[in-house]
Amino acid sequence: MLTSQILDKAAEHLETYGWIQNHHYELWARGPIERRACCLVGALNVAETGNPLADGSGAPREALVRHLVLAGDFSAFSLAGWNDDAYRTMAEVLAALRETAEEERGEGR
């Protein structure tokens, strides 16, 4: 799967199941963990591996960090920390995923 596809799939997961902070996935919910609200990192993991706790290739994370840092957001060197910032919104997370996916598509990735 291309990096752009993983990023889009992660955004779709968040739109469908919800976005959280401070945990990879919603610990207190019922049902399969791959169908629960996730943080940014958990959604990337689900998109690539099917499990919010199983790390994927790293390419989508690297693309997101590159996108955010080039936009001037140096807190993004830690995506988990960036996601968990008290002032972060789901809209910002989704925008970062979609914008990065578009950039990666343009590069054929």
Protein backbone atom coordinates (compact mmCIF):
# COMPACT_ATOMS: atom_id res chain seq x y z
CA MET A 1 0.00 0.00 0.00
CA LEU A 2 1.29 3.48 -0.86
CA THR A 3 2.05 5.99 1.88
CA SER A 4 -0.70 8.28 0.57
CA GLN A 5 -3.21 5.43 0.82
CA ILE A 6 -2.21 4.69 4.42
CA LEU A 7 -2.59 8.36 5.34
CA ASP A 8 -6.04 8.52 3.71
CA LYS A 9 -7.07 5.29 5.41
CA ALA A 10 -5.95 6.65 8.79
CA ALA A 11 -8.06 9.79 8.24
CA GLU A 12 -11.04 7.62 7.30
CA HIS A 13 -10.57 5.58 10.47
CA LEU A 14 -10.64 8.72 12.61
CA GLU A 15 -13.69 10.07 10.78
CA THR A 16 -15.52 6.76 11.24
CA TYR A 17 -14.54 5.73 14.77
CA GLY A 18 -13.37 8.96 16.38
CA TRP A 19 -10.18 10.61 17.58
CA ILE A 20 -8.71 10.48 21.08
CA GLN A 21 -5.64 11.65 22.91
CA ASN A 22 -3.21 10.00 25.34
CA HIS A 23 -3.86 6.39 24.25
CA HIS A 24 -3.33 4.53 20.98
CA TYR A 25 -6.96 3.39 21.07
CA GLU A 26 -10.06 3.75 23.22
CA LEU A 27 -9.31 1.33 26.08
CA TRP A 28 -12.74 1.51 27.71
CA ALA A 29 -14.85 0.75 24.63
CA ARG A 30 -16.23 -2.62 23.61
CA GLY A 31 -15.59 -4.39 20.35
CA PRO A 32 -12.49 -5.11 18.30
CA ILE A 33 -9.63 -2.71 18.95
CA GLU A 34 -9.31 -2.01 15.23
CA ARG A 35 -12.82 -0.50 15.31
CA ARG A 36 -12.30 1.92 18.16
CA ALA A 37 -11.42 5.58 18.37
CA CYS A 38 -7.67 6.10 18.06
CA CYS A 39 -5.03 8.74 18.36
CA LEU A 40 -3.08 9.75 15.27
CA VAL A 41 -0.42 7.06 15.78
CA GLY A 42 -3.02 4.37 16.51
CA ALA A 43 -4.96 5.29 13.37
CA LEU A 44 -1.79 5.09 11.26
CA ASN A 45 -1.07 1.68 12.75
CA VAL A 46 -4.63 0.43 12.07
CA ALA A 47 -4.45 1.75 8.52
CA GLU A 48 -1.24 -0.14 7.80
CA THR A 49 -1.29 -3.21 10.05
CA GLY A 50 -4.89 -3.56 11.23
CA ASN A 51 -3.86 -3.13 14.87
CA PRO A 52 -3.46 0.19 16.73
CA LEU A 53 -0.54 -1.20 18.73
CA ALA A 54 1.41 -2.74 15.83
CA ASP A 55 3.85 -0.33 14.22
CA GLY A 56 3.90 -0.19 10.43
CA SER A 57 6.71 0.72 8.06
CA GLY A 58 7.31 4.22 9.42
CA ALA A 59 6.92 5.91 6.03
CA PRO A 60 3.57 7.58 6.86
CA ARG A 61 4.95 8.92 10.15
CA GLU A 62 8.06 10.26 8.43
CA ALA A 63 5.90 11.96 5.78
CA LEU A 64 3.69 13.58 8.44
CA VAL A 65 6.66 14.82 10.45
CA ARG A 66 8.23 16.24 7.28
CA HIS A 67 4.97 17.98 6.32
CA LEU A 68 4.40 19.49 9.76
CA VAL A 69 8.00 20.56 10.34
CA LEU A 70 8.24 22.17 6.91
CA ALA A 71 5.05 24.05 7.83
CA GLY A 72 6.88 25.36 10.92
CA ASP A 73 5.42 23.07 13.60
CA PHE A 74 8.54 21.74 15.29
CA SER A 75 6.53 19.99 18.03
CA ALA A 76 5.71 17.36 15.39
CA PHE A 77 9.05 15.59 15.85
CA SER A 78 6.99 13.52 18.31
CA LEU A 79 3.71 12.69 16.57
CA ALA A 80 2.26 11.28 19.78
CA GLY A 81 3.13 14.51 21.59
CA TRP A 82 1.77 16.57 18.70
CA ASN A 83 -1.50 14.60 18.79
CA ASP A 84 -1.76 14.85 22.57
CA ASP A 85 -1.24 18.62 22.78
CA ALA A 86 -4.09 19.95 24.92
CA TYR A 87 -5.04 22.47 22.22
CA ARG A 88 -4.92 20.02 19.29
CA THR A 89 -8.20 19.39 17.48
CA MET A 90 -9.45 16.53 15.39
CA ALA A 91 -9.80 18.94 12.47
CA GLU A 92 -6.05 19.72 12.65
CA VAL A 93 -5.17 16.03 12.75
CA LEU A 94 -7.41 15.25 9.78
CA ALA A 95 -6.04 18.22 7.82
CA ALA A 96 -2.45 17.08 8.45
CA LEU A 97 -3.30 13.56 7.26
CA ARG A 98 -5.13 14.74 4.13
CA GLU A 99 -2.55 17.38 3.18
CA THR A 100 0.32 14.95 3.65
CA ALA A 101 -1.51 12.27 1.64
CA GLU A 102 -1.92 14.76 -1.22
CA GLU A 103 1.78 15.64 -1.12
CA GLU A 104 2.75 11.97 -1.11
CA ARG A 105 0.40 11.27 -4.03
CA GLY A 106 2.10 14.02 -5.97
CA GLU A 107 5.41 12.24 -5.41
CA GLY A 108 4.01 8.87 -6.43
CA ARG A 109 4.16 7.49 -2.93
